[in-house]
Amino acid sequence: MAQAGKGRLNYRCPSCFMRDLDMDMFYDKQKDEYYCLRCQFTGNEADVLKGNDMCRIKYRSMLKRITVFS
């Protein structure tokens, strides 16, 4: 998704990303927090980064070729 003036960086919503939805977060300068339009997730930058790190666990072995299953 293209970033259209949403904030400093293009962050994914951790709550939506856990459900395999790719939603960008919007940034509210007055409250200094990020929010998602699809779900009700709100949080500061540290909360978003912490949630996205938890989501990366799901995809950590995606590029590994697994040949032995026992």
N, C-alpha and C. Protein backbone atom coordinates (compact mmCIF):
# COMPACT_ATOMS: atom_id res chain seq x y z
N MET A 1 0.83 -1.17 0.00
CA MET A 1 0.00 0.00 0.00
C MET A 1 0.88 1.24 0.00
N ALA A 2 0.48 2.22 -0.75
CA ALA A 2 1.24 3.45 -0.82
C ALA A 2 0.95 4.31 0.40
N GLN A 3 1.96 5.04 0.83
CA GLN A 3 1.78 5.91 1.98
C GLN A 3 1.34 7.27 1.49
N ALA A 4 0.22 7.76 1.98
CA ALA A 4 -0.32 9.04 1.54
C ALA A 4 -0.42 10.01 2.72
N GLY A 5 0.72 10.42 3.24
CA GLY A 5 0.73 11.39 4.32
C GLY A 5 0.17 10.85 5.63
N LYS A 6 0.39 9.61 5.93
CA LYS A 6 -0.20 9.01 7.12
C LYS A 6 0.65 9.24 8.36
N GLY A 7 1.92 9.42 8.21
CA GLY A 7 2.77 9.57 9.38
C GLY A 7 4.22 9.57 8.95
N ARG A 8 5.07 9.37 9.92
CA ARG A 8 6.49 9.39 9.62
C ARG A 8 6.90 8.16 8.83
N LEU A 9 6.42 7.02 9.22
CA LEU A 9 6.76 5.78 8.52
C LEU A 9 5.49 5.01 8.22
N ASN A 10 5.63 4.03 7.38
CA ASN A 10 4.50 3.18 7.01
C ASN A 10 4.46 1.97 7.94
N TYR A 11 3.62 2.01 8.97
CA TYR A 11 3.51 0.91 9.92
C TYR A 11 2.28 0.08 9.61
N ARG A 12 2.38 -1.22 9.81
CA ARG A 12 1.23 -2.11 9.69
C ARG A 12 0.56 -2.24 11.04
N CYS A 13 -0.74 -2.41 11.01
CA CYS A 13 -1.48 -2.63 12.25
C CYS A 13 -1.18 -4.04 12.75
N PRO A 14 -0.66 -4.19 13.97
CA PRO A 14 -0.32 -5.52 14.48
C PRO A 14 -1.54 -6.42 14.64
N SER A 15 -2.65 -5.85 15.05
CA SER A 15 -3.86 -6.64 15.26
C SER A 15 -4.38 -7.20 13.94
N CYS A 16 -4.42 -6.39 12.92
CA CYS A 16 -4.88 -6.84 11.60
C CYS A 16 -3.86 -7.79 10.97
N PHE A 17 -2.57 -7.52 11.18
CA PHE A 17 -1.52 -8.33 10.58
C PHE A 17 -1.52 -9.75 11.14
N MET A 18 -1.93 -9.90 12.40
CA MET A 18 -2.03 -11.24 12.99
C MET A 18 -3.13 -12.05 12.30
N ARG A 19 -4.10 -11.35 11.72
CA ARG A 19 -5.19 -12.02 11.01
C ARG A 19 -4.96 -12.01 9.50
N ASP A 20 -3.71 -11.81 9.08
CA ASP A 20 -3.30 -11.81 7.67
C ASP A 20 -3.96 -10.70 6.86
N LEU A 21 -4.19 -9.55 7.47
CA LEU A 21 -4.69 -8.37 6.77
C LEU A 21 -3.58 -7.33 6.76
N ASP A 22 -3.36 -6.72 5.64
CA ASP A 22 -2.29 -5.74 5.50
C ASP A 22 -2.91 -4.34 5.54
N MET A 23 -2.99 -3.77 6.72
CA MET A 23 -3.59 -2.46 6.90
C MET A 23 -2.53 -1.48 7.41
N ASP A 24 -2.43 -0.34 6.74
CA ASP A 24 -1.53 0.71 7.22
C ASP A 24 -2.19 1.45 8.37
N MET A 25 -1.36 2.00 9.23
CA MET A 25 -1.86 2.76 10.37
C MET A 25 -1.77 4.24 10.07
N PHE A 26 -2.67 5.00 10.65
CA PHE A 26 -2.67 6.46 10.52
C PHE A 26 -2.08 7.05 11.79
N TYR A 27 -1.50 8.24 11.67
CA TYR A 27 -0.85 8.89 12.79
C TYR A 27 -1.63 10.15 13.17
N ASP A 28 -1.94 10.28 14.45
CA ASP A 28 -2.62 11.45 14.98
C ASP A 28 -1.59 12.31 15.71
N LYS A 29 -1.28 13.47 15.16
CA LYS A 29 -0.25 14.33 15.74
C LYS A 29 -0.67 14.89 17.10
N GLN A 30 -1.95 15.19 17.26
CA GLN A 30 -2.41 15.79 18.52
C GLN A 30 -2.27 14.83 19.69
N LYS A 31 -2.60 13.57 19.48
CA LYS A 31 -2.52 12.57 20.54
C LYS A 31 -1.19 11.83 20.55
N ASP A 32 -0.37 12.02 19.52
CA ASP A 32 0.91 11.35 19.37
C ASP A 32 0.75 9.83 19.44
N GLU A 33 -0.20 9.30 18.63
CA GLU A 33 -0.43 7.87 18.60
C GLU A 33 -0.86 7.43 17.21
N TYR A 34 -0.70 6.15 16.96
CA TYR A 34 -1.12 5.54 15.70
C TYR A 34 -2.45 4.84 15.92
N TYR A 35 -3.27 4.81 14.87
CA TYR A 35 -4.56 4.13 14.96
C TYR A 35 -4.87 3.44 13.64
N CYS A 36 -5.72 2.41 13.73
CA CYS A 36 -6.12 1.64 12.56
C CYS A 36 -7.58 1.95 12.24
N LEU A 37 -7.88 2.08 10.96
CA LEU A 37 -9.26 2.35 10.56
C LEU A 37 -10.12 1.09 10.55
N ARG A 38 -9.50 -0.07 10.39
CA ARG A 38 -10.26 -1.31 10.27
C ARG A 38 -10.63 -1.88 11.64
N CYS A 39 -9.69 -1.95 12.53
CA CYS A 39 -9.97 -2.46 13.88
C CYS A 39 -9.86 -1.30 14.86
N GLN A 40 -9.82 -1.58 16.12
CA GLN A 40 -9.79 -0.51 17.12
C GLN A 40 -8.44 -0.38 17.80
N PHE A 41 -7.38 -0.79 17.11
CA PHE A 41 -6.05 -0.73 17.72
C PHE A 41 -5.54 0.71 17.72
N THR A 42 -5.08 1.17 18.86
CA THR A 42 -4.40 2.46 18.98
C THR A 42 -3.18 2.25 19.87
N GLY A 43 -2.15 3.02 19.62
CA GLY A 43 -0.96 2.92 20.45
C GLY A 43 0.14 3.83 19.95
N ASN A 44 1.13 4.02 20.80
CA ASN A 44 2.27 4.83 20.38
C ASN A 44 3.21 3.99 19.52
N GLU A 45 4.29 4.59 19.11
CA GLU A 45 5.21 3.92 18.19
C GLU A 45 5.82 2.66 18.80
N ALA A 46 6.11 2.70 20.09
CA ALA A 46 6.70 1.53 20.76
C ALA A 46 5.71 0.36 20.78
N ASP A 47 4.43 0.65 21.01
CA ASP A 47 3.41 -0.40 21.02
C ASP A 47 3.28 -1.05 19.65
N VAL A 48 3.33 -0.24 18.61
CA VAL A 48 3.19 -0.76 17.24
C VAL A 48 4.39 -1.63 16.88
N LEU A 49 5.59 -1.16 17.21
CA LEU A 49 6.79 -1.94 16.91
C LEU A 49 6.82 -3.24 17.70
N LYS A 50 6.38 -3.22 18.95
CA LYS A 50 6.33 -4.44 19.77
C LYS A 50 5.34 -5.44 19.17
N GLY A 51 4.18 -4.96 18.74
CA GLY A 51 3.19 -5.84 18.12
C GLY A 51 3.66 -6.41 16.80
N ASN A 52 4.35 -5.61 16.01
CA ASN A 52 4.86 -6.10 14.73
C ASN A 52 5.99 -7.12 14.92
N ASP A 53 6.77 -6.98 15.98
CA ASP A 53 7.80 -7.98 16.26
C ASP A 53 7.18 -9.32 16.65
N MET A 54 6.06 -9.28 17.37
CA MET A 54 5.36 -10.52 17.71
C MET A 54 4.80 -11.19 16.46
N CYS A 55 4.40 -10.40 15.48
CA CYS A 55 3.87 -10.96 14.24
C CYS A 55 4.95 -11.61 13.39
N ARG A 56 6.18 -11.12 13.51
CA ARG A 56 7.28 -11.66 12.71
C ARG A 56 7.62 -13.10 13.09
N ILE A 57 7.27 -13.51 14.30
CA ILE A 57 7.51 -14.89 14.73
C ILE A 57 6.77 -15.85 13.81
N LYS A 58 5.63 -15.43 13.35
CA LYS A 58 4.80 -16.27 12.48
C LYS A 58 5.50 -16.58 11.16
N TYR A 59 6.30 -15.65 10.65
CA TYR A 59 6.91 -15.79 9.33
C TYR A 59 8.42 -16.01 9.38
N ARG A 60 8.98 -16.36 10.54
CA ARG A 60 10.45 -16.42 10.64
C ARG A 60 11.06 -17.53 9.80
N SER A 61 10.37 -18.63 9.56
CA SER A 61 10.93 -19.75 8.79
C SER A 61 10.39 -19.79 7.36
N MET A 62 9.85 -18.71 6.89
CA MET A 62 9.21 -18.71 5.58
C MET A 62 10.22 -18.97 4.45
N LEU A 63 11.43 -18.48 4.57
CA LEU A 63 12.42 -18.62 3.50
C LEU A 63 13.33 -19.82 3.67
N LYS A 64 13.16 -20.60 4.75
CA LYS A 64 13.98 -21.79 4.95
C LYS A 64 13.38 -22.97 4.20
N ARG A 65 14.23 -23.76 3.62
CA ARG A 65 13.78 -24.98 2.95
C ARG A 65 13.87 -26.14 3.95
N ILE A 66 12.75 -26.73 4.27
CA ILE A 66 12.69 -27.80 5.25
C ILE A 66 12.64 -29.13 4.51
N THR A 67 13.64 -29.97 4.75
CA THR A 67 13.72 -31.25 4.05
C THR A 67 13.58 -32.45 4.98
N VAL A 68 13.86 -32.25 6.26
CA VAL A 68 13.77 -33.34 7.24
C VAL A 68 12.61 -33.01 8.18
N PHE A 69 11.65 -33.94 8.29
CA PHE A 69 10.48 -33.70 9.12
C PHE A 69 10.45 -34.50 10.40
N SER A 70 11.47 -35.27 10.67
CA SER A 70 11.45 -36.08 11.90
C SER A 70 12.51 -35.65 12.86
